Amino acid sequence: HVSVQPEGTAAKGGYAVVDFKVPNERDNASTTK
C-alpha cells in the first residue's frame, strides 16, 4: 500500500523530509497520479 517514511528522524517541533512510497499493484496498468 501507499506509505510514508521519514528520511532520518521526524521529530516533534522540527522539520523533516519524508518519502511517500507508491508501489504499483496492477499487472496491466501503470500508476499515473
All heavy atoms as atom14 arrays in JSON, in Angstrom:
{
  "sequence": "HVSVQPEGTAAKGGYAVVDFKVPNERDNASTTK",
  "atom14_mask": [
    [1, 1, 1, 1, 1, 1, 1, 1, 1, 1, 0, 0, 0, 0],
    [1, 1, 1, 1, 1, 1, 1, 0, 0, 0, 0, 0, 0, 0],
    [1, 1, 1, 1, 1, 1, 0, 0, 0, 0, 0, 0, 0, 0],
    [1, 1, 1, 1, 1, 1, 1, 0, 0, 0, 0, 0, 0, 0],
    [1, 1, 1, 1, 1, 1, 1, 1, 1, 0, 0, 0, 0, 0],
    [1, 1, 1, 1, 1, 1, 1, 0, 0, 0, 0, 0, 0, 0],
    [1, 1, 1, 1, 1, 1, 1, 1, 1, 0, 0, 0, 0, 0],
    [1, 1, 1, 1, 0, 0, 0, 0, 0, 0, 0, 0, 0, 0],
    [1, 1, 1, 1, 1, 1, 1, 0, 0, 0, 0, 0, 0, 0],
    [1, 1, 1, 1, 1, 0, 0, 0, 0, 0, 0, 0, 0, 0],
    [1, 1, 1, 1, 1, 0, 0, 0, 0, 0, 0, 0, 0, 0],
    [1, 1, 1, 1, 1, 1, 1, 1, 1, 0, 0, 0, 0, 0],
    [1, 1, 1, 1, 0, 0, 0, 0, 0, 0, 0, 0, 0, 0],
    [1, 1, 1, 1, 0, 0, 0, 0, 0, 0, 0, 0, 0, 0],
    [1, 1, 1, 1, 1, 1, 1, 1, 1, 1, 1, 1, 0, 0],
    [1, 1, 1, 1, 1, 0, 0, 0, 0, 0, 0, 0, 0, 0],
    [1, 1, 1, 1, 1, 1, 1, 0, 0, 0, 0, 0, 0, 0],
    [1, 1, 1, 1, 1, 1, 1, 0, 0, 0, 0, 0, 0, 0],
    [1, 1, 1, 1, 1, 1, 1, 1, 0, 0, 0, 0, 0, 0],
    [1, 1, 1, 1, 1, 1, 1, 1, 1, 1, 1, 0, 0, 0],
    [1, 1, 1, 1, 1, 1, 1, 1, 1, 0, 0, 0, 0, 0],
    [1, 1, 1, 1, 1, 1, 1, 0, 0, 0, 0, 0, 0, 0],
    [1, 1, 1, 1, 1, 1, 1, 0, 0, 0, 0, 0, 0, 0],
    [1, 1, 1, 1, 1, 1, 1, 1, 0, 0, 0, 0, 0, 0],
    [1, 1, 1, 1, 1, 1, 1, 1, 1, 0, 0, 0, 0, 0],
    [1, 1, 1, 1, 1, 1, 1, 1, 1, 1, 1, 0, 0, 0],
    [1, 1, 1, 1, 1, 1, 1, 1, 0, 0, 0, 0, 0, 0],
    [1, 1, 1, 1, 1, 1, 1, 1, 0, 0, 0, 0, 0, 0],
    [1, 1, 1, 1, 1, 0, 0, 0, 0, 0, 0, 0, 0, 0],
    [1, 1, 1, 1, 1, 1, 0, 0, 0, 0, 0, 0, 0, 0],
    [1, 1, 1, 1, 1, 1, 1, 0, 0, 0, 0, 0, 0, 0],
    [1, 1, 1, 1, 1, 1, 1, 0, 0, 0, 0, 0, 0, 0],
    [1, 1, 1, 1, 1, 1, 1, 1, 1, 0, 0, 0, 0, 0]
  ],
  "atom14_positions": [
    [[0.83, -1.2, 0.0], [0.0, 0.0, 0.0], [0.87, 1.25, 0.0], [2.09, 1.2, 0.24], [-0.94, 0.0, 1.21], [-0.24, -0.15, 2.52], [0.54, 0.84, 3.08], [-0.19, -1.19, 3.4], [1.03, 0.44, 4.23], [0.63, -0.79, 4.45], [0.0, 0.0, 0.0], [0.0, 0.0, 0.0], [0.0, 0.0, 0.0], [0.0, 0.0, 0.0]],
    [[0.26, 2.39, -0.26], [0.97, 3.67, -0.22], [1.38, 3.94, 1.22], [0.56, 3.84, 2.14], [0.09, 4.8, -0.76], [0.81, 6.14, -0.61], [-0.26, 4.56, -2.21], [0.0, 0.0, 0.0], [0.0, 0.0, 0.0], [0.0, 0.0, 0.0], [0.0, 0.0, 0.0], [0.0, 0.0, 0.0], [0.0, 0.0, 0.0], [0.0, 0.0, 0.0]],
    [[2.63, 4.3, 1.43], [3.13, 4.52, 2.79], [3.97, 5.79, 2.84], [4.31, 6.37, 1.8], [3.97, 3.33, 3.26], [5.08, 3.14, 2.4], [0.0, 0.0, 0.0], [0.0, 0.0, 0.0], [0.0, 0.0, 0.0], [0.0, 0.0, 0.0], [0.0, 0.0, 0.0], [0.0, 0.0, 0.0], [0.0, 0.0, 0.0], [0.0, 0.0, 0.0]],
    [[4.3, 6.23, 4.06], [5.15, 7.4, 4.24], [6.2, 7.09, 5.31], [5.89, 6.52, 6.35], [4.32, 8.64, 4.64], [3.55, 8.4, 5.94], [5.22, 9.87, 4.78], [0.0, 0.0, 0.0], [0.0, 0.0, 0.0], [0.0, 0.0, 0.0], [0.0, 0.0, 0.0], [0.0, 0.0, 0.0], [0.0, 0.0, 0.0], [0.0, 0.0, 0.0]],
    [[7.45, 7.42, 4.99], [8.57, 7.19, 5.91], [9.5, 8.4, 5.9], [9.73, 8.99, 4.84], [9.35, 5.94, 5.51], [8.6, 4.63, 5.69], [8.35, 4.31, 7.16], [9.11, 4.73, 8.03], [7.3, 3.57, 7.44], [0.0, 0.0, 0.0], [0.0, 0.0, 0.0], [0.0, 0.0, 0.0], [0.0, 0.0, 0.0], [0.0, 0.0, 0.0]],
    [[10.05, 8.75, 7.06], [10.98, 9.89, 7.09], [12.36, 9.5, 6.61], [12.78, 8.35, 6.77], [10.99, 10.29, 8.57], [10.74, 9.0, 9.29], [9.8, 8.21, 8.41], [0.0, 0.0, 0.0], [0.0, 0.0, 0.0], [0.0, 0.0, 0.0], [0.0, 0.0, 0.0], [0.0, 0.0, 0.0], [0.0, 0.0, 0.0], [0.0, 0.0, 0.0]],
    [[13.08, 10.44, 6.05], [14.49, 10.25, 5.73], [15.28, 10.72, 6.95], [15.56, 11.89, 7.1], [14.89, 11.05, 4.49], [14.22, 10.58, 3.2], [14.71, 11.34, 1.99], [15.65, 12.17, 2.15], [14.17, 11.14, 0.89], [0.0, 0.0, 0.0], [0.0, 0.0, 0.0], [0.0, 0.0, 0.0], [0.0, 0.0, 0.0], [0.0, 0.0, 0.0]],
    [[15.56, 9.82, 7.83], [16.19, 10.19, 9.09], [15.16, 10.19, 10.2], [14.46, 9.19, 10.41], [0.0, 0.0, 0.0], [0.0, 0.0, 0.0], [0.0, 0.0, 0.0], [0.0, 0.0, 0.0], [0.0, 0.0, 0.0], [0.0, 0.0, 0.0], [0.0, 0.0, 0.0], [0.0, 0.0, 0.0], [0.0, 0.0, 0.0], [0.0, 0.0, 0.0]],
    [[15.02, 11.31, 10.9], [14.1, 11.4, 12.03], [13.09, 12.52, 11.82], [13.45, 13.61, 11.38], [14.88, 11.68, 13.34], [15.83, 10.64, 13.54], [13.93, 11.73, 14.52], [0.0, 0.0, 0.0], [0.0, 0.0, 0.0], [0.0, 0.0, 0.0], [0.0, 0.0, 0.0], [0.0, 0.0, 0.0], [0.0, 0.0, 0.0], [0.0, 0.0, 0.0]],
    [[11.83, 12.21, 12.1], [10.78, 13.22, 12.07], [10.44, 13.56, 13.52], [9.62, 12.9, 14.16], [9.55, 12.69, 11.34], [0.0, 0.0, 0.0], [0.0, 0.0, 0.0], [0.0, 0.0, 0.0], [0.0, 0.0, 0.0], [0.0, 0.0, 0.0], [0.0, 0.0, 0.0], [0.0, 0.0, 0.0], [0.0, 0.0, 0.0], [0.0, 0.0, 0.0]],
    [[11.12, 14.56, 14.06], [10.98, 14.9, 15.47], [9.92, 15.98, 15.67], [9.77, 16.88, 14.84], [12.31, 15.37, 16.05], [0.0, 0.0, 0.0], [0.0, 0.0, 0.0], [0.0, 0.0, 0.0], [0.0, 0.0, 0.0], [0.0, 0.0, 0.0], [0.0, 0.0, 0.0], [0.0, 0.0, 0.0], [0.0, 0.0, 0.0], [0.0, 0.0, 0.0]],
    [[9.22, 15.89, 16.77], [8.18, 16.86, 17.1], [8.78, 18.27, 17.15], [9.84, 18.48, 17.73], [7.54, 16.52, 18.44], [6.83, 15.18, 18.47], [6.25, 14.9, 19.86], [5.58, 13.54, 19.91], [5.01, 13.25, 21.26], [0.0, 0.0, 0.0], [0.0, 0.0, 0.0], [0.0, 0.0, 0.0], [0.0, 0.0, 0.0], [0.0, 0.0, 0.0]],
    [[8.08, 19.2, 16.55], [8.52, 20.59, 16.58], [9.58, 20.93, 15.56], [9.94, 22.1, 15.41], [0.0, 0.0, 0.0], [0.0, 0.0, 0.0], [0.0, 0.0, 0.0], [0.0, 0.0, 0.0], [0.0, 0.0, 0.0], [0.0, 0.0, 0.0], [0.0, 0.0, 0.0], [0.0, 0.0, 0.0], [0.0, 0.0, 0.0], [0.0, 0.0, 0.0]],
    [[10.08, 19.92, 14.83], [11.15, 20.17, 13.86], [10.67, 20.05, 12.42], [9.47, 20.05, 12.13], [0.0, 0.0, 0.0], [0.0, 0.0, 0.0], [0.0, 0.0, 0.0], [0.0, 0.0, 0.0], [0.0, 0.0, 0.0], [0.0, 0.0, 0.0], [0.0, 0.0, 0.0], [0.0, 0.0, 0.0], [0.0, 0.0, 0.0], [0.0, 0.0, 0.0]],
    [[11.64, 19.94, 11.53], [11.36, 19.78, 10.11], [11.93, 18.44, 9.65], [12.89, 17.93, 10.25], [11.98, 20.92, 9.3], [11.28, 22.25, 9.49], [11.47, 22.99, 10.66], [10.43, 22.76, 8.53], [10.84, 24.2, 10.85], [9.79, 23.97, 8.7], [9.99, 24.69, 9.86], [9.34, 25.89, 10.06], [0.0, 0.0, 0.0], [0.0, 0.0, 0.0]],
    [[11.36, 17.88, 8.59], [11.82, 16.57, 8.12], [11.54, 16.43, 6.63], [10.68, 17.12, 6.07], [11.14, 15.45, 8.89], [0.0, 0.0, 0.0], [0.0, 0.0, 0.0], [0.0, 0.0, 0.0], [0.0, 0.0, 0.0], [0.0, 0.0, 0.0], [0.0, 0.0, 0.0], [0.0, 0.0, 0.0], [0.0, 0.0, 0.0], [0.0, 0.0, 0.0]],
    [[12.27, 15.52, 6.02], [12.0, 15.11, 4.64], [11.38, 13.72, 4.71], [11.96, 12.81, 5.3], [13.27, 15.09, 3.78], [12.96, 14.52, 2.39], [13.86, 16.47, 3.67], [0.0, 0.0, 0.0], [0.0, 0.0, 0.0], [0.0, 0.0, 0.0], [0.0, 0.0, 0.0], [0.0, 0.0, 0.0], [0.0, 0.0, 0.0], [0.0, 0.0, 0.0]],
    [[10.2, 13.58, 4.13], [9.5, 12.3, 4.15], [9.29, 11.81, 2.73], [9.2, 12.61, 1.79], [8.15, 12.4, 4.89], [8.35, 12.85, 6.33], [7.21, 13.37, 4.18], [0.0, 0.0, 0.0], [0.0, 0.0, 0.0], [0.0, 0.0, 0.0], [0.0, 0.0, 0.0], [0.0, 0.0, 0.0], [0.0, 0.0, 0.0], [0.0, 0.0, 0.0]],
    [[9.25, 10.49, 2.58], [9.03, 9.86, 1.27], [7.68, 9.17, 1.23], [7.41, 8.31, 2.08], [10.12, 8.83, 0.98], [11.49, 9.45, 0.84], [11.57, 10.61, 0.38], [12.49, 8.79, 1.16], [0.0, 0.0, 0.0], [0.0, 0.0, 0.0], [0.0, 0.0, 0.0], [0.0, 0.0, 0.0], [0.0, 0.0, 0.0], [0.0, 0.0, 0.0]],
    [[6.84, 9.55, 0.27], [5.61, 8.81, 0.02], [5.95, 7.72, -1.0], [6.29, 8.01, -2.14], [4.52, 9.73, -0.5], [4.0, 10.7, 0.54], [4.51, 11.98, 0.62], [3.03, 10.3, 1.44], [4.05, 12.86, 1.59], [2.57, 11.18, 2.42], [3.09, 12.46, 2.49], [0.0, 0.0, 0.0], [0.0, 0.0, 0.0], [0.0, 0.0, 0.0]],
    [[5.88, 6.47, -0.55], [6.26, 5.34, -1.39], [5.01, 4.75, -2.04], [4.06, 4.37, -1.35], [6.97, 4.28, -0.55], [7.46, 3.08, -1.35], [8.18, 2.1, -0.44], [8.62, 0.86, -1.2], [9.3, -0.11, -0.32], [0.0, 0.0, 0.0], [0.0, 0.0, 0.0], [0.0, 0.0, 0.0], [0.0, 0.0, 0.0], [0.0, 0.0, 0.0]],
    [[5.03, 4.67, -3.37], [3.85, 4.22, -4.12], [4.21, 2.99, -4.96], [4.88, 3.12, -5.99], [3.31, 5.34, -5.04], [2.07, 4.88, -5.78], [3.02, 6.6, -4.22], [0.0, 0.0, 0.0], [0.0, 0.0, 0.0], [0.0, 0.0, 0.0], [0.0, 0.0, 0.0], [0.0, 0.0, 0.0], [0.0, 0.0, 0.0], [0.0, 0.0, 0.0]],
    [[3.8, 1.81, -4.55], [4.02, 0.61, -5.37], [2.88, 0.45, -6.39], [1.76, 0.89, -6.16], [3.99, -0.52, -4.34], [3.07, -0.01, -3.28], [3.21, 1.49, -3.24], [0.0, 0.0, 0.0], [0.0, 0.0, 0.0], [0.0, 0.0, 0.0], [0.0, 0.0, 0.0], [0.0, 0.0, 0.0], [0.0, 0.0, 0.0], [0.0, 0.0, 0.0]],
    [[3.21, -0.17, -7.5], [2.16, -0.46, -8.49], [1.65, -1.88, -8.24], [2.4, -2.84, -8.31], [2.74, -0.36, -9.9], [1.64, -0.44, -10.96], [0.47, -0.52, -10.63], [2.03, -0.43, -12.22], [0.0, 0.0, 0.0], [0.0, 0.0, 0.0], [0.0, 0.0, 0.0], [0.0, 0.0, 0.0], [0.0, 0.0, 0.0], [0.0, 0.0, 0.0]],
    [[0.35, -1.99, -7.94], [-0.23, -3.29, -7.58], [-0.91, -3.99, -8.74], [-1.5, -5.06, -8.57], [-1.25, -3.1, -6.46], [-0.68, -2.56, -5.17], [-1.75, -2.45, -4.11], [-2.72, -1.71, -4.32], [-1.62, -3.11, -3.08], [0.0, 0.0, 0.0], [0.0, 0.0, 0.0], [0.0, 0.0, 0.0], [0.0, 0.0, 0.0], [0.0, 0.0, 0.0]],
    [[-0.87, -3.4, -9.91], [-1.57, -3.98, -11.06], [-0.58, -4.51, -12.08], [0.51, -3.99, -12.26], [-2.48, -2.92, -11.71], [-3.5, -2.33, -10.76], [-4.51, -3.39, -10.3], [-5.48, -2.84, -9.35], [-5.38, -2.95, -8.05], [-4.34, -3.57, -7.5], [-6.31, -2.44, -7.26], [0.0, 0.0, 0.0], [0.0, 0.0, 0.0], [0.0, 0.0, 0.0]],
    [[-1.0, -5.57, -12.79], [-0.16, -6.18, -13.82], [-0.43, -5.6, -15.21], [0.37, -5.8, -16.12], [-0.39, -7.7, -13.88], [0.03, -8.39, -12.59], [0.98, -7.88, -11.95], [-0.59, -9.41, -12.21], [0.0, 0.0, 0.0], [0.0, 0.0, 0.0], [0.0, 0.0, 0.0], [0.0, 0.0, 0.0], [0.0, 0.0, 0.0], [0.0, 0.0, 0.0]],
    [[-1.56, -4.91, -15.35], [-1.96, -4.44, -16.68], [-2.18, -2.92, -16.73], [-2.81, -2.41, -17.66], [-3.24, -5.14, -17.12], [-4.39, -4.94, -16.14], [-4.18, -4.38, -15.05], [-5.58, -5.38, -16.52], [0.0, 0.0, 0.0], [0.0, 0.0, 0.0], [0.0, 0.0, 0.0], [0.0, 0.0, 0.0], [0.0, 0.0, 0.0], [0.0, 0.0, 0.0]],
    [[-1.68, -2.18, -15.73], [-1.87, -0.73, -15.72], [-0.75, -0.07, -14.92], [-0.13, -0.7, -14.06], [-3.22, -0.36, -15.13], [0.0, 0.0, 0.0], [0.0, 0.0, 0.0], [0.0, 0.0, 0.0], [0.0, 0.0, 0.0], [0.0, 0.0, 0.0], [0.0, 0.0, 0.0], [0.0, 0.0, 0.0], [0.0, 0.0, 0.0], [0.0, 0.0, 0.0]],
    [[-0.5, 1.19, -15.21], [0.52, 1.96, -14.51], [-0.14, 3.0, -13.6], [-1.26, 3.44, -13.87], [1.44, 2.69, -15.51], [2.11, 1.77, -16.34], [0.0, 0.0, 0.0], [0.0, 0.0, 0.0], [0.0, 0.0, 0.0], [0.0, 0.0, 0.0], [0.0, 0.0, 0.0], [0.0, 0.0, 0.0], [0.0, 0.0, 0.0], [0.0, 0.0, 0.0]],
    [[0.57, 3.37, -12.54], [0.09, 4.45, -11.68], [0.46, 5.77, -12.33], [1.63, 6.03, -12.6], [0.73, 4.37, -10.29], [0.33, 3.15, -9.65], [0.3, 5.54, -9.42], [0.0, 0.0, 0.0], [0.0, 0.0, 0.0], [0.0, 0.0, 0.0], [0.0, 0.0, 0.0], [0.0, 0.0, 0.0], [0.0, 0.0, 0.0], [0.0, 0.0, 0.0]],
    [[-0.54, 6.6, -12.59], [-0.3, 7.86, -13.31], [-0.59, 9.1, -12.47], [-0.31, 10.22, -12.9], [-1.17, 7.92, -14.58], [-2.54, 7.74, -14.21], [-0.76, 6.81, -15.55], [0.0, 0.0, 0.0], [0.0, 0.0, 0.0], [0.0, 0.0, 0.0], [0.0, 0.0, 0.0], [0.0, 0.0, 0.0], [0.0, 0.0, 0.0], [0.0, 0.0, 0.0]],
    [[-1.15, 8.89, -11.26], [-1.49, 10.06, -10.43], [-1.53, 9.67, -8.96], [-1.97, 8.59, -8.6], [-2.85, 10.63, -10.86], [-3.24, 11.94, -10.2], [-4.57, 12.44, -10.76], [-4.98, 13.76, -10.16], [-6.28, 14.23, -10.72], [0.0, 0.0, 0.0], [0.0, 0.0, 0.0], [0.0, 0.0, 0.0], [0.0, 0.0, 0.0], [0.0, 0.0, 0.0]]
  ]
}
